[in-house]
C-alpha cells in the first residue's frame, strides 16, 4: 500500500483535452508524506518527499504521470526479513560487487582449533584470495583455503581441519586450491558476485553445505568483525528494485562494517551514498531517479531458532536520514476526490 498526503493543490485533469492526451499541470513545489511500498518481504517507507519543478499529466484518467527536477527525501527506511527458503526469488544482479575492495578483520575468542585467532581477509576486485588470508594466533600461524571438500584451516601440529563442508556438486564463484606443477600450493579463491548470485538463483535447490561441527555455529557468537570496504560502480538489483552505484573514483559508497558478535547482528555504515540511477517497480508502472545522500546505515540481524542453531534468514533495516534526487519519473493510479478543496487529500495506491 502507498499512502501520500499532498501539501499542494492537487492537479485535476483538463476536460478540454482529448481522451488519450490529457493536458499537463505544473507545480513549483509539492510535498508528499508517509509513503509506503511492499517489495516482496521487504517494506520501503518514506517520512517526507519534497518535489520541485513538478510536471503532472493525467494519463487518460487512469494514473498520474509525474516528473520532477529535484526530489528531497527525509526519513527513508527499507526493512524486512529474507528467509532462507524465500530468498531465492530470482531477479538478483550484483555487478557492483566486481569492484569491491578492502580488508575485513575477524577476531575469534576460544576458536575451535586454537585458543584465540585474529584473521585478516583482504578483498580485491570482488574476490577473496585465500593465498593472502592471514590467520594469526599464539604459536605458528595457520593457513586458510578452499577445496572441493569445503573451507579449511591448515593448523600447525593439528593438520587440516574443515570449518565448512560442501555438499553441493558445484559452488558458484569458487576457484579450488591446487598444487601448481613445480610450484607452491595455491589455496584457492571466492568470487563474491558469482557466489551470492548463485545462492539467490531461483533454480538452486538445497544448501551449499554445512558446518563441519555443530559447535561452529556457537563460535559465531564469540566472533567480532570490523573493516572497511569500497563498493564498485555498477548495478545492484533485487526483485522490484534496481540501483546503479557510482562515484568510486571520488570515494563514494565506502562501507564500514562492525559486529561485536557475527552470529547475531552486523552494522553497515555508508558515510556518502551515491546512486546514478534508482528504479522502483510499482503496480502502476515505474519510479526512477538518481540519488545522493549524506549518510546511510543498515543493520543486518541473523535470524536463528535458538542459540547455536543454523541461521534461518536475515532481518534488514536500512535507514537514510536525508537524500537528494534528480530527474524523478513516477506513475501512480489516479484517485479523484468528489469534493476537492484546499485541505490536504490522502492518495492511496496499491503496489505489488
C-alpha atoms as a PDB file:
ATOM      1  CA  UNK A   1       0.000   0.000   0.000  1.00  0.00           C
ATOM      2  CA  UNK A   2       1.236   3.501  -0.846  1.00  0.00           C
ATOM      3  CA  UNK A   3      -0.164   6.442   1.140  1.00  0.00           C
ATOM      4  CA  UNK A   4       0.622  10.067   0.357  1.00  0.00           C
ATOM      5  CA  UNK A   5      -0.571  13.358   1.845  1.00  0.00           C
ATOM      6  CA  UNK A   6      -0.463  16.130  -0.752  1.00  0.00           C
ATOM      7  CA  UNK A   7       0.603  19.516   0.647  1.00  0.00           C
ATOM      8  CA  UNK A   8      -0.150  21.428  -2.548  1.00  0.00           C
ATOM      9  CA  UNK A   9      -3.192  21.931  -4.736  1.00  0.00           C
ATOM     10  CA  UNK A  10      -3.894  18.558  -6.345  1.00  0.00           C
ATOM     11  CA  UNK A  11      -3.902  18.936 -10.158  1.00  0.00           C
ATOM     12  CA  UNK A  12      -7.090  17.957 -11.972  1.00  0.00           C
ATOM     13  CA  UNK A  13      -7.296  16.610 -15.484  1.00  0.00           C
ATOM     14  CA  UNK A  14      -8.299  19.055 -18.209  1.00  0.00           C
ATOM     15  CA  UNK A  15     -11.800  18.446 -19.563  1.00  0.00           C
ATOM     16  CA  UNK A  16     -10.837  20.011 -22.925  1.00  0.00           C
ATOM     17  CA  UNK A  17      -8.003  17.597 -23.729  1.00  0.00           C
ATOM     18  CA  UNK A  18      -8.555  14.554 -25.988  1.00  0.00           C
ATOM     19  CA  UNK A  19      -9.228  11.301 -24.065  1.00  0.00           C
ATOM     20  CA  UNK A  20      -5.729   9.905 -24.719  1.00  0.00           C
ATOM     21  CA  UNK A  21      -3.846  13.214 -24.371  1.00  0.00           C
ATOM     22  CA  UNK A  22      -4.759  14.955 -21.127  1.00  0.00           C
ATOM     23  CA  UNK A  23      -3.261  18.386 -20.520  1.00  0.00           C
ATOM     24  CA  UNK A  24      -0.288  18.539 -18.111  1.00  0.00           C
ATOM     25  CA  UNK A  25      -0.223  20.588 -14.892  1.00  0.00           C
ATOM     26  CA  UNK A  26       2.724  22.407 -13.339  1.00  0.00           C
ATOM     27  CA  UNK A  27       3.677  22.808  -9.677  1.00  0.00           C
ATOM     28  CA  UNK A  28       6.767  24.531  -8.347  1.00  0.00           C
ATOM     29  CA  UNK A  29       6.688  22.691  -5.025  1.00  0.00           C
ATOM     30  CA  UNK A  30       4.898  19.509  -3.889  1.00  0.00           C
ATOM     31  CA  UNK A  31       5.279  17.649  -0.579  1.00  0.00           C
ATOM     32  CA  UNK A  32       4.247  14.011  -0.001  1.00  0.00           C
ATOM     33  CA  UNK A  33       4.302  12.406   3.430  1.00  0.00           C
ATOM     34  CA  UNK A  34       4.071   8.900   4.901  1.00  0.00           C
ATOM     35  CA  UNK A  35       4.763   6.817   1.774  1.00  0.00           C
ATOM     36  CA  UNK A  36       4.882   3.022   1.994  1.00  0.00           C
ATOM     37  CA  UNK A  37       5.621   0.266  -0.536  1.00  0.00           C
ATOM     38  CA  UNK A  38       5.817  -3.514  -0.221  1.00  0.00           C
ATOM     39  CA  UNK A  39       8.643  -5.219  -2.148  1.00  0.00           C
ATOM     40  CA  UNK A  40       8.032  -8.907  -1.547  1.00  0.00           C
ATOM     41  CA  UNK A  41       9.052  -9.482   2.090  1.00  0.00           C
ATOM     42  CA  UNK A  42      10.646  -6.033   2.298  1.00  0.00           C
ATOM     43  CA  UNK A  43       8.923  -2.731   3.055  1.00  0.00           C
ATOM     44  CA  UNK A  44      10.011   0.716   1.881  1.00  0.00           C
ATOM     45  CA  UNK A  45       8.868   3.698   3.981  1.00  0.00           C
ATOM     46  CA  UNK A  46       9.417   7.414   3.483  1.00  0.00           C
ATOM     47  CA  UNK A  47       8.529  10.133   6.003  1.00  0.00           C
ATOM     48  CA  UNK A  48       8.598  13.019   3.554  1.00  0.00           C
ATOM     49  CA  UNK A  49       9.327  13.715  -0.101  1.00  0.00           C
ATOM     50  CA  UNK A  50       9.517  17.307  -1.358  1.00  0.00           C
ATOM     51  CA  UNK A  51       9.436  17.702  -5.134  1.00  0.00           C
ATOM     52  CA  UNK A  52      10.472  20.852  -7.029  1.00  0.00           C
ATOM     53  CA  UNK A  53       9.838  21.693 -10.663  1.00  0.00           C
ATOM     54  CA  UNK A  54       6.940  19.264 -10.951  1.00  0.00           C
ATOM     55  CA  UNK A  55       5.032  18.463 -14.145  1.00  0.00           C
ATOM     56  CA  UNK A  56       1.912  16.307 -13.784  1.00  0.00           C
ATOM     57  CA  UNK A  57      -0.180  14.666 -16.510  1.00  0.00           C
ATOM     58  CA  UNK A  58      -3.442  12.790 -16.101  1.00  0.00           C
ATOM     59  CA  UNK A  59      -2.814   9.627 -18.136  1.00  0.00           C
ATOM     60  CA  UNK A  60      -6.212   9.219 -19.795  1.00  0.00           C
ATOM     61  CA  UNK A  61      -7.966   9.206 -16.422  1.00  0.00           C
ATOM     62  CA  UNK A  62      -6.152   6.104 -15.165  1.00  0.00           C
ATOM     63  CA  UNK A  63      -2.954   7.342 -13.472  1.00  0.00           C
ATOM     64  CA  UNK A  64      -0.868  10.358 -12.594  1.00  0.00           C
ATOM     65  CA  UNK A  65       2.306  10.644 -14.666  1.00  0.00           C
ATOM     66  CA  UNK A  66       4.699  12.846 -12.705  1.00  0.00           C
ATOM     67  CA  UNK A  67       8.165  14.236 -13.456  1.00  0.00           C
ATOM     68  CA  UNK A  68      10.205  16.376 -11.060  1.00  0.00           C
ATOM     69  CA  UNK A  69      13.509  18.183 -11.500  1.00  0.00           C
ATOM     70  CA  UNK A  70      14.594  17.717  -7.854  1.00  0.00           C
ATOM     71  CA  UNK A  71      13.430  15.466  -5.035  1.00  0.00           C
ATOM     72  CA  UNK A  72      14.397  15.956  -1.361  1.00  0.00           C
ATOM     73  CA  UNK A  73      13.846  12.845   0.800  1.00  0.00           C
ATOM     74  CA  UNK A  74      13.678  12.596   4.589  1.00  0.00           C
ATOM     75  CA  UNK A  75      13.401   9.511   6.765  1.00  0.00           C
ATOM     76  CA  UNK A  76      13.829   6.727   4.195  1.00  0.00           C
ATOM     77  CA  UNK A  77      13.697   3.191   5.582  1.00  0.00           C
ATOM     78  CA  UNK A  78      13.928  -0.201   3.811  1.00  0.00           C
ATOM     79  CA  UNK A  79      13.311  -3.114   6.160  1.00  0.00           C
ATOM     80  CA  UNK A  80      12.031  -6.654   6.430  1.00  0.00           C
ATOM     81  CA  UNK A  81      13.081 -10.291   6.530  1.00  0.00           C
ATOM     82  CA  UNK A  82      14.725 -12.531   3.954  1.00  0.00           C
ATOM     83  CA  UNK A  83      14.100 -16.149   4.862  1.00  0.00           C
ATOM     84  CA  UNK A  84      16.423 -18.885   3.637  1.00  0.00           C
ATOM     85  CA  UNK A  85      13.712 -20.648   1.627  1.00  0.00           C
ATOM     86  CA  UNK A  86      12.079 -17.464   0.319  1.00  0.00           C
ATOM     87  CA  UNK A  87      15.223 -15.597  -0.714  1.00  0.00           C
ATOM     88  CA  UNK A  88      15.525 -17.489  -3.997  1.00  0.00           C
ATOM     89  CA  UNK A  89      13.132 -15.158  -5.825  1.00  0.00           C
ATOM     90  CA  UNK A  90      15.173 -14.519  -8.953  1.00  0.00           C
ATOM     91  CA  UNK A  91      15.856 -11.108 -10.478  1.00  0.00           C
ATOM     92  CA  UNK A  92      19.052 -10.536  -8.489  1.00  0.00           C
ATOM     93  CA  UNK A  93      22.045  -8.806 -10.096  1.00  0.00           C
ATOM     94  CA  UNK A  94      25.150  -7.745  -8.149  1.00  0.00           C
ATOM     95  CA  UNK A  95      27.517  -6.192 -10.700  1.00  0.00           C
ATOM     96  CA  UNK A  96      28.825  -3.572  -8.237  1.00  0.00           C
ATOM     97  CA  UNK A  97      30.486  -6.338  -6.199  1.00  0.00           C
ATOM     98  CA  UNK A  98      33.008  -6.877  -9.014  1.00  0.00           C
ATOM     99  CA  UNK A  99      34.802  -3.704  -7.900  1.00  0.00           C
ATOM    100  CA  UNK A 100      34.690  -4.410  -4.146  1.00  0.00           C
ATOM    101  CA  UNK A 101      37.976  -3.582  -2.376  1.00  0.00           C
ATOM    102  CA  UNK A 102      39.066  -3.515   1.261  1.00  0.00           C
ATOM    103  CA  UNK A 103      40.037  -5.527   4.325  1.00  0.00           C
ATOM    104  CA  UNK A 104      37.989  -7.336   6.978  1.00  0.00           C
ATOM    105  CA  UNK A 105      39.403  -8.231  10.393  1.00  0.00           C
ATOM    106  CA  UNK A 106      37.849 -11.135  12.288  1.00  0.00           C
ATOM    107  CA  UNK A 107      38.749 -11.985  15.889  1.00  0.00           C
ATOM    108  CA  UNK A 108      37.562 -15.323  17.292  1.00  0.00           C
ATOM    109  CA  UNK A 109      37.617 -15.910  21.051  1.00  0.00           C
ATOM    110  CA  UNK A 110      38.204 -19.540  22.008  1.00  0.00           C
ATOM    111  CA  UNK A 111      38.310 -20.747  18.400  1.00  0.00           C
ATOM    112  CA  UNK A 112      37.633 -24.393  17.620  1.00  0.00           C
ATOM    113  CA  UNK A 113      41.205 -25.130  16.590  1.00  0.00           C
ATOM    114  CA  UNK A 114      43.205 -22.779  18.854  1.00  0.00           C
ATOM    115  CA  UNK A 115      42.590 -20.544  21.898  1.00  0.00           C
ATOM    116  CA  UNK A 116      42.117 -17.182  20.072  1.00  0.00           C
ATOM    117  CA  UNK A 117      42.587 -16.257  16.413  1.00  0.00           C
ATOM    118  CA  UNK A 118      42.996 -12.954  14.535  1.00  0.00           C
ATOM    119  CA  UNK A 119      42.073 -13.371  10.844  1.00  0.00           C
ATOM    120  CA  UNK A 120      42.736 -10.796   8.087  1.00  0.00           C
ATOM    121  CA  UNK A 121      40.598 -11.148   4.934  1.00  0.00           C
ATOM    122  CA  UNK A 122      41.694  -8.853   2.081  1.00  0.00           C
ATOM    123  CA  UNK A 123      39.259  -8.328  -0.820  1.00  0.00           C
ATOM    124  CA  UNK A 124      40.343  -7.147  -4.260  1.00  0.00           C
ATOM    125  CA  UNK A 125      38.226  -6.847  -7.420  1.00  0.00           C
ATOM    126  CA  UNK A 126      35.378  -8.569  -5.609  1.00  0.00           C
ATOM    127  CA  UNK A 127      37.483 -11.653  -4.823  1.00  0.00           C
ATOM    128  CA  UNK A 128      38.734 -13.255  -1.627  1.00  0.00           C
ATOM    129  CA  UNK A 129      42.140 -14.781  -2.409  1.00  0.00           C
ATOM    130  CA  UNK A 130      42.972 -17.329   0.292  1.00  0.00           C
ATOM    131  CA  UNK A 131      46.688 -17.055  -0.515  1.00  0.00           C
ATOM    132  CA  UNK A 132      46.511 -13.563   1.043  1.00  0.00           C
ATOM    133  CA  UNK A 133      44.435 -14.516   4.101  1.00  0.00           C
ATOM    134  CA  UNK A 134      46.380 -14.354   7.385  1.00  0.00           C
ATOM    135  CA  UNK A 135      45.350 -16.460  10.408  1.00  0.00           C
ATOM    136  CA  UNK A 136      47.380 -15.332  13.434  1.00  0.00           C
ATOM    137  CA  UNK A 137      47.369 -16.818  16.930  1.00  0.00           C
ATOM    138  CA  UNK A 138      49.744 -17.873  19.684  1.00  0.00           C
ATOM    139  CA  UNK A 139      52.450 -20.050  18.195  1.00  0.00           C
ATOM    140  CA  UNK A 140      52.964 -20.707  14.454  1.00  0.00           C
ATOM    141  CA  UNK A 141      50.218 -19.207  12.299  1.00  0.00           C
ATOM    142  CA  UNK A 142      47.641 -21.230  10.364  1.00  0.00           C
ATOM    143  CA  UNK A 143      46.591 -21.020   6.710  1.00  0.00           C
ATOM    144  CA  UNK A 144      43.077 -20.959   5.251  1.00  0.00           C
ATOM    145  CA  UNK A 145      41.941 -22.317   1.895  1.00  0.00           C
ATOM    146  CA  UNK A 146      39.089 -23.733  -0.183  1.00  0.00           C
ATOM    147  CA  UNK A 147      38.895 -27.143  -1.834  1.00  0.00           C
ATOM    148  CA  UNK A 148      36.136 -29.261  -3.351  1.00  0.00           C
ATOM    149  CA  UNK A 149      35.618 -30.604   0.156  1.00  0.00           C
ATOM    150  CA  UNK A 150      34.978 -27.183   1.757  1.00  0.00           C
ATOM    151  CA  UNK A 151      36.699 -24.301   3.532  1.00  0.00           C
ATOM    152  CA  UNK A 152      39.584 -25.492   5.683  1.00  0.00           C
ATOM    153  CA  UNK A 153      42.397 -24.478   8.014  1.00  0.00           C
ATOM    154  CA  UNK A 154      45.874 -25.935   7.960  1.00  0.00           C
ATOM    155  CA  UNK A 155      46.951 -25.539  11.588  1.00  0.00           C
ATOM    156  CA  UNK A 156      50.487 -26.441  12.754  1.00  0.00           C
ATOM    157  CA  UNK A 157      50.600 -29.654  14.790  1.00  0.00           C
ATOM    158  CA  UNK A 158      46.873 -30.249  14.118  1.00  0.00           C
ATOM    159  CA  UNK A 159      46.877 -30.792  10.350  1.00  0.00           C
ATOM    160  CA  UNK A 160      43.937 -29.873   8.111  1.00  0.00           C
ATOM    161  CA  UNK A 161      40.604 -29.151   9.778  1.00  0.00           C
ATOM    162  CA  UNK A 162      37.482 -28.254   7.821  1.00  0.00           C
ATOM    163  CA  UNK A 163      35.297 -25.385   9.022  1.00  0.00           C
ATOM    164  CA  UNK A 164      32.580 -25.765   6.367  1.00  0.00           C
ATOM    165  CA  UNK A 165      31.913 -28.898   4.316  1.00  0.00           C
ATOM    166  CA  UNK A 166      30.415 -28.607   0.819  1.00  0.00           C
ATOM    167  CA  UNK A 167      27.535 -30.937  -0.036  1.00  0.00           C
ATOM    168  CA  UNK A 168      26.635 -29.288  -3.385  1.00  0.00           C
ATOM    169  CA  UNK A 169      28.293 -30.581  -6.548  1.00  0.00           C
ATOM    170  CA  UNK A 170      29.460 -27.097  -7.584  1.00  0.00           C
ATOM    171  CA  UNK A 171      29.956 -23.920  -5.552  1.00  0.00           C
ATOM    172  CA  UNK A 172      29.290 -20.681  -7.517  1.00  0.00           C
ATOM    173  CA  UNK A 173      32.349 -18.437  -7.716  1.00  0.00           C
ATOM    174  CA  UNK A 174      34.736 -20.970  -6.148  1.00  0.00           C
ATOM    175  CA  UNK A 175      38.254 -21.483  -7.510  1.00  0.00           C
ATOM    176  CA  UNK A 176      39.562 -24.517  -5.678  1.00  0.00           C
ATOM    177  CA  UNK A 177      43.072 -24.689  -4.353  1.00  0.00           C
ATOM    178  CA  UNK A 178      45.630 -26.933  -6.040  1.00  0.00           C
ATOM    179  CA  UNK A 179      49.320 -27.641  -6.132  1.00  0.00           C
ATOM    180  CA  UNK A 180      50.843 -25.930  -9.154  1.00  0.00           C
ATOM    181  CA  UNK A 181      53.203 -28.096 -11.226  1.00  0.00           C
ATOM    182  CA  UNK A 182      56.677 -27.426  -9.906  1.00  0.00           C
ATOM    183  CA  UNK A 183      55.396 -24.502  -7.815  1.00  0.00           C
ATOM    184  CA  UNK A 184      53.773 -23.660  -4.471  1.00  0.00           C
ATOM    185  CA  UNK A 185      50.327 -24.773  -3.364  1.00  0.00           C
ATOM    186  CA  UNK A 186      47.543 -22.364  -4.339  1.00  0.00           C
ATOM    187  CA  UNK A 187      44.829 -22.124  -1.679  1.00  0.00           C
ATOM    188  CA  UNK A 188      42.002 -21.018  -3.965  1.00  0.00           C
ATOM    189  CA  UNK A 189      39.665 -18.008  -4.126  1.00  0.00           C
ATOM    190  CA  UNK A 190      35.996 -16.963  -3.956  1.00  0.00           C
ATOM    191  CA  UNK A 191      34.288 -14.565  -6.374  1.00  0.00           C
ATOM    192  CA  UNK A 192      31.670 -12.831  -4.203  1.00  0.00           C
ATOM    193  CA  UNK A 193      29.399 -11.698  -7.052  1.00  0.00           C
ATOM    194  CA  UNK A 194      29.157 -15.179  -8.532  1.00  0.00           C
ATOM    195  CA  UNK A 195      28.746 -16.764  -5.088  1.00  0.00           C
ATOM    196  CA  UNK A 196      25.870 -14.520  -3.929  1.00  0.00           C
ATOM    197  CA  UNK A 197      24.057 -14.503  -7.286  1.00  0.00           C
ATOM    198  CA  UNK A 198      24.311 -18.288  -7.312  1.00  0.00           C
ATOM    199  CA  UNK A 199      22.881 -18.556  -3.806  1.00  0.00           C
ATOM    200  CA  UNK A 200      19.942 -16.321  -4.820  1.00  0.00           C
ATOM    201  CA  UNK A 201      19.284 -18.164  -8.090  1.00  0.00           C
ATOM    202  CA  UNK A 202      15.700 -19.481  -8.169  1.00  0.00           C
ATOM    203  CA  UNK A 203      16.926 -22.691  -9.820  1.00  0.00           C
ATOM    204  CA  UNK A 204      19.146 -23.632  -6.873  1.00  0.00           C
ATOM    205  CA  UNK A 205      17.812 -26.316  -4.567  1.00  0.00           C
ATOM    206  CA  UNK A 206      19.352 -27.179  -1.226  1.00  0.00           C
ATOM    207  CA  UNK A 207      22.231 -25.559   0.691  1.00  0.00           C
ATOM    208  CA  UNK A 208      25.868 -25.418  -0.406  1.00  0.00           C
ATOM    209  CA  UNK A 209      26.916 -27.413   2.634  1.00  0.00           C
ATOM    210  CA  UNK A 210      27.053 -27.433   6.413  1.00  0.00           C
ATOM    211  CA  UNK A 211      29.490 -26.641   9.233  1.00  0.00           C
ATOM    212  CA  UNK A 212      31.988 -29.407   9.826  1.00  0.00           C
ATOM    213  CA  UNK A 213      30.974 -29.389  13.500  1.00  0.00           C
ATOM    214  CA  UNK A 214      27.678 -28.128  15.021  1.00  0.00           C
ATOM    215  CA  UNK A 215      29.587 -26.129  17.656  1.00  0.00           C
ATOM    216  CA  UNK A 216      30.901 -23.804  14.932  1.00  0.00           C
ATOM    217  CA  UNK A 217      27.527 -22.001  14.921  1.00  0.00           C
ATOM    218  CA  UNK A 218      28.054 -21.179  18.603  1.00  0.00           C
ATOM    219  CA  UNK A 219      31.560 -19.939  17.760  1.00  0.00           C
ATOM    220  CA  UNK A 220      29.986 -17.156  15.640  1.00  0.00           C
ATOM    221  CA  UNK A 221      28.617 -15.646  18.866  1.00  0.00           C
ATOM    222  CA  UNK A 222      32.242 -15.287  20.030  1.00  0.00           C
ATOM    223  CA  UNK A 223      33.425 -13.747  16.765  1.00  0.00           C
ATOM    224  CA  UNK A 224      33.995  -9.996  16.312  1.00  0.00           C
ATOM    225  CA  UNK A 225      34.273  -8.329  12.914  1.00  0.00           C
ATOM    226  CA  UNK A 226      35.448  -4.906  11.748  1.00  0.00           C
ATOM    227  CA  UNK A 227      36.525  -3.496   8.420  1.00  0.00           C
ATOM    228  CA  UNK A 228      36.055  -1.011   5.624  1.00  0.00           C
ATOM    229  CA  UNK A 229      35.149  -1.776   2.032  1.00  0.00           C
ATOM    230  CA  UNK A 230      34.937   0.329  -1.113  1.00  0.00           C
ATOM    231  CA  UNK A 231      31.996  -0.693  -3.306  1.00  0.00           C
ATOM    232  CA  UNK A 232      32.461  -0.752  -7.051  1.00  0.00           C
ATOM    233  CA  UNK A 233      30.384   1.094  -9.640  1.00  0.00           C
ATOM    234  CA  UNK A 234      27.580  -0.812 -11.346  1.00  0.00           C
ATOM    235  CA  UNK A 235      24.159  -2.370 -10.967  1.00  0.00           C
ATOM    236  CA  UNK A 236      22.636  -3.848  -7.801  1.00  0.00           C
ATOM    237  CA  UNK A 237      19.182  -5.304  -8.448  1.00  0.00           C
ATOM    238  CA  UNK A 238      16.632  -7.255  -6.411  1.00  0.00           C
ATOM    239  CA  UNK A 239      13.040  -8.147  -7.294  1.00  0.00           C
ATOM    240  CA  UNK A 240      11.219  -4.823  -7.750  1.00  0.00           C
ATOM    241  CA  UNK A 241      14.296  -2.652  -7.118  1.00  0.00           C
ATOM    242  CA  UNK A 242      17.290  -1.650  -9.249  1.00  0.00           C
ATOM    243  CA  UNK A 243      20.076   0.835  -8.438  1.00  0.00           C
ATOM    244  CA  UNK A 244      23.279   1.849 -10.211  1.00  0.00           C
ATOM    245  CA  UNK A 245      26.108   2.702  -7.824  1.00  0.00           C
ATOM    246  CA  UNK A 246      28.553   5.416  -8.914  1.00  0.00           C
ATOM    247  CA  UNK A 247      31.300   7.623  -7.527  1.00  0.00           C
ATOM    248  CA  UNK A 248      34.023   5.101  -6.672  1.00  0.00           C
ATOM    249  CA  UNK A 249      36.831   7.348  -8.056  1.00  0.00           C
ATOM    250  CA  UNK A 250      35.645  10.070  -5.634  1.00  0.00           C
ATOM    251  CA  UNK A 251      35.500   7.743  -2.630  1.00  0.00           C
ATOM    252  CA  UNK A 252      31.706   7.432  -2.617  1.00  0.00           C
ATOM    253  CA  UNK A 253      29.921   4.292  -1.386  1.00  0.00           C
ATOM    254  CA  UNK A 254      32.521   3.274   1.157  1.00  0.00           C
ATOM    255  CA  UNK A 255      31.130   0.837   3.729  1.00  0.00           C
ATOM    256  CA  UNK A 256      32.244   0.485   7.330  1.00  0.00           C
ATOM    257  CA  UNK A 257      31.346  -2.860   8.941  1.00  0.00           C
ATOM    258  CA  UNK A 258      31.260  -3.774  12.615  1.00  0.00           C
ATOM    259  CA  UNK A 259      29.840  -6.677  14.593  1.00  0.00           C
ATOM    260  CA  UNK A 260      30.522  -7.469  18.255  1.00  0.00           C
ATOM    261  CA  UNK A 261      29.004 -10.918  17.578  1.00  0.00           C
ATOM    262  CA  UNK A 262      28.808 -12.028  13.925  1.00  0.00           C
ATOM    263  CA  UNK A 263      26.247 -14.694  14.759  1.00  0.00           C
ATOM    264  CA  UNK A 264      23.718 -12.113  15.963  1.00  0.00           C
ATOM    265  CA  UNK A 265      23.969  -8.755  14.166  1.00  0.00           C
ATOM    266  CA  UNK A 266      26.137  -6.692  11.846  1.00  0.00           C
ATOM    267  CA  UNK A 267      26.092  -2.913  11.294  1.00  0.00           C
ATOM    268  CA  UNK A 268      26.992  -1.280   7.967  1.00  0.00           C
ATOM    269  CA  UNK A 269      27.633   2.477   7.667  1.00  0.00           C
ATOM    270  CA  UNK A 270      27.862   4.384   4.379  1.00  0.00           C
ATOM    271  CA  UNK A 271      29.026   7.977   5.010  1.00  0.00           C
ATOM    272  CA  UNK A 272      28.465   9.051   1.371  1.00  0.00           C
ATOM    273  CA  UNK A 273      26.000   7.004  -0.662  1.00  0.00           C
ATOM    274  CA  UNK A 274      25.679   7.866  -4.366  1.00  0.00           C
ATOM    275  CA  UNK A 275      23.395   6.197  -6.935  1.00  0.00           C
ATOM    276  CA  UNK A 276      23.286   7.466 -10.517  1.00  0.00           C
ATOM    277  CA  UNK A 277      20.030   5.598 -11.139  1.00  0.00           C
ATOM    278  CA  UNK A 278      17.299   4.185  -8.911  1.00  0.00           C
ATOM    279  CA  UNK A 279      14.286   2.279 -10.268  1.00  0.00           C
ATOM    280  CA  UNK A 280      11.379   1.028  -8.161  1.00  0.00           C
ATOM    281  CA  UNK A 281       8.671  -1.215  -9.621  1.00  0.00           C
ATOM    282  CA  UNK A 282       5.141  -0.154  -8.677  1.00  0.00           C
ATOM    283  CA  UNK A 283       1.823  -1.734  -9.593  1.00  0.00           C
ATOM    284  CA  UNK A 284       1.087   1.227 -11.878  1.00  0.00           C
ATOM    285  CA  UNK A 285       4.485   1.444 -13.512  1.00  0.00           C
ATOM    286  CA  UNK A 286       7.994   2.540 -12.656  1.00  0.00           C
ATOM    287  CA  UNK A 287       9.605   5.183 -10.462  1.00  0.00           C
ATOM    288  CA  UNK A 288      13.151   6.154 -11.444  1.00  0.00           C
ATOM    289  CA  UNK A 289      15.692   8.774 -10.367  1.00  0.00           C
ATOM    290  CA  UNK A 290      19.312   9.328  -9.338  1.00  0.00           C
ATOM    291  CA  UNK A 291      20.155   9.612  -5.631  1.00  0.00           C
ATOM    292  CA  UNK A 292      22.858  11.101  -3.416  1.00  0.00           C
ATOM    293  CA  UNK A 293      22.744  11.346   0.369  1.00  0.00           C
ATOM    294  CA  UNK A 294      24.966  12.347   3.247  1.00  0.00           C
ATOM    295  CA  UNK A 295      24.951   9.016   5.052  1.00  0.00           C
ATOM    296  CA  UNK A 296      23.132   5.698   5.350  1.00  0.00           C
ATOM    297  CA  UNK A 297      23.127   2.945   7.955  1.00  0.00           C
ATOM    298  CA  UNK A 298      21.968  -0.668   7.743  1.00  0.00           C
ATOM    299  CA  UNK A 299      21.621  -3.251  10.494  1.00  0.00           C
ATOM    300  CA  UNK A 300      21.649  -6.915   9.445  1.00  0.00           C
ATOM    301  CA  UNK A 301      20.326  -9.300  12.092  1.00  0.00           C
ATOM    302  CA  UNK A 302      20.931 -13.040  11.824  1.00  0.00           C
ATOM    303  CA  UNK A 303      17.707 -14.991  12.455  1.00  0.00           C
ATOM    304  CA  UNK A 304      18.047 -18.331  14.275  1.00  0.00           C
ATOM    305  CA  UNK A 305      15.650 -20.663  16.019  1.00  0.00           C
ATOM    306  CA  UNK A 306      17.883 -20.913  19.071  1.00  0.00           C
ATOM    307  CA  UNK A 307      21.390 -20.310  20.366  1.00  0.00           C
ATOM    308  CA  UNK A 308      23.921 -22.357  18.429  1.00  0.00           C
ATOM    309  CA  UNK A 309      21.387 -23.223  15.707  1.00  0.00           C
ATOM    310  CA  UNK A 310      21.806 -22.693  11.959  1.00  0.00           C
ATOM    311  CA  UNK A 311      20.692 -19.283  10.562  1.00  0.00           C
ATOM    312  CA  UNK A 312      17.155 -19.328   9.131  1.00  0.00           C
ATOM    313  CA  UNK A 313      17.275 -15.918   7.447  1.00  0.00           C
ATOM    314  CA  UNK A 314      18.188 -12.242   7.757  1.00  0.00           C
ATOM    315  CA  UNK A 315      16.384  -9.154   9.034  1.00  0.00           C
ATOM    316  CA  UNK A 316      17.466  -5.988   7.209  1.00  0.00           C
ATOM    317  CA  UNK A 317      16.942  -2.406   8.358  1.00  0.00           C
ATOM    318  CA  UNK A 318      18.362   0.312   6.069  1.00  0.00           C
ATOM    319  CA  UNK A 319      17.899   3.941   7.147  1.00  0.00           C
ATOM    320  CA  UNK A 320      18.737   7.146   5.284  1.00  0.00           C
ATOM    321  CA  UNK A 321      18.078  10.405   7.150  1.00  0.00           C
ATOM    322  CA  UNK A 322      18.246  12.763   4.151  1.00  0.00           C
ATOM    323  CA  UNK A 323      18.856  12.428   0.421  1.00  0.00           C
ATOM    324  CA  UNK A 324      18.596  14.455  -2.774  1.00  0.00           C
ATOM    325  CA  UNK A 325      17.491  13.006  -6.109  1.00  0.00           C
ATOM    326  CA  UNK A 326      17.289  14.469  -9.592  1.00  0.00           C
ATOM    327  CA  UNK A 327      15.081  13.851 -12.628  1.00  0.00           C
ATOM    328  CA  UNK A 328      12.365  11.794 -10.956  1.00  0.00           C
ATOM    329  CA  UNK A 329       9.806   9.958 -13.094  1.00  0.00           C
ATOM    330  CA  UNK A 330       6.791   8.411 -11.345  1.00  0.00           C
ATOM    331  CA  UNK A 331       3.390   6.958 -12.171  1.00  0.00           C
ATOM    332  CA  UNK A 332       0.613   6.223  -9.650  1.00  0.00           C
ATOM    333  CA  UNK A 333      -3.032   5.157 -10.029  1.00  0.00           C
ATOM    334  CA  UNK A 334      -5.401   8.122 -10.055  1.00  0.00           C
ATOM    335  CA  UNK A 335      -7.895   8.627  -7.214  1.00  0.00           C
ATOM    336  CA  UNK A 336     -10.288  11.558  -7.624  1.00  0.00           C
ATOM    337  CA  UNK A 337     -11.942  13.403  -4.776  1.00  0.00           C
ATOM    338  CA  UNK A 338     -15.650  14.178  -5.147  1.00  0.00           C
ATOM    339  CA  UNK A 339     -15.232  17.358  -3.095  1.00  0.00           C
ATOM    340  CA  UNK A 340     -11.873  18.985  -3.919  1.00  0.00           C
ATOM    341  CA  UNK A 341     -10.714  21.670  -1.539  1.00  0.00           C
ATOM    342  CA  UNK A 342      -7.613  23.368  -0.139  1.00  0.00           C
ATOM    343  CA  UNK A 343      -7.105  20.783   2.637  1.00  0.00           C
ATOM    344  CA  UNK A 344      -4.560  18.008   2.135  1.00  0.00           C
ATOM    345  CA  UNK A 345      -6.111  14.949   0.475  1.00  0.00           C
ATOM    346  CA  UNK A 346      -4.922  11.350   1.005  1.00  0.00           C
ATOM    347  CA  UNK A 347      -3.905   9.413  -2.093  1.00  0.00           C
ATOM    348  CA  UNK A 348      -3.884   5.612  -1.915  1.00  0.00           C
ATOM    349  CA  UNK A 349      -2.307   3.280  -4.462  1.00  0.00           C
ATOM    350  CA  UNK A 350      -1.687  -0.428  -4.341  1.00  0.00           C
ATOM    351  CA  UNK A 351       1.703  -1.854  -5.181  1.00  0.00           C
ATOM    352  CA  UNK A 352       2.605  -5.495  -5.580  1.00  0.00           C
END
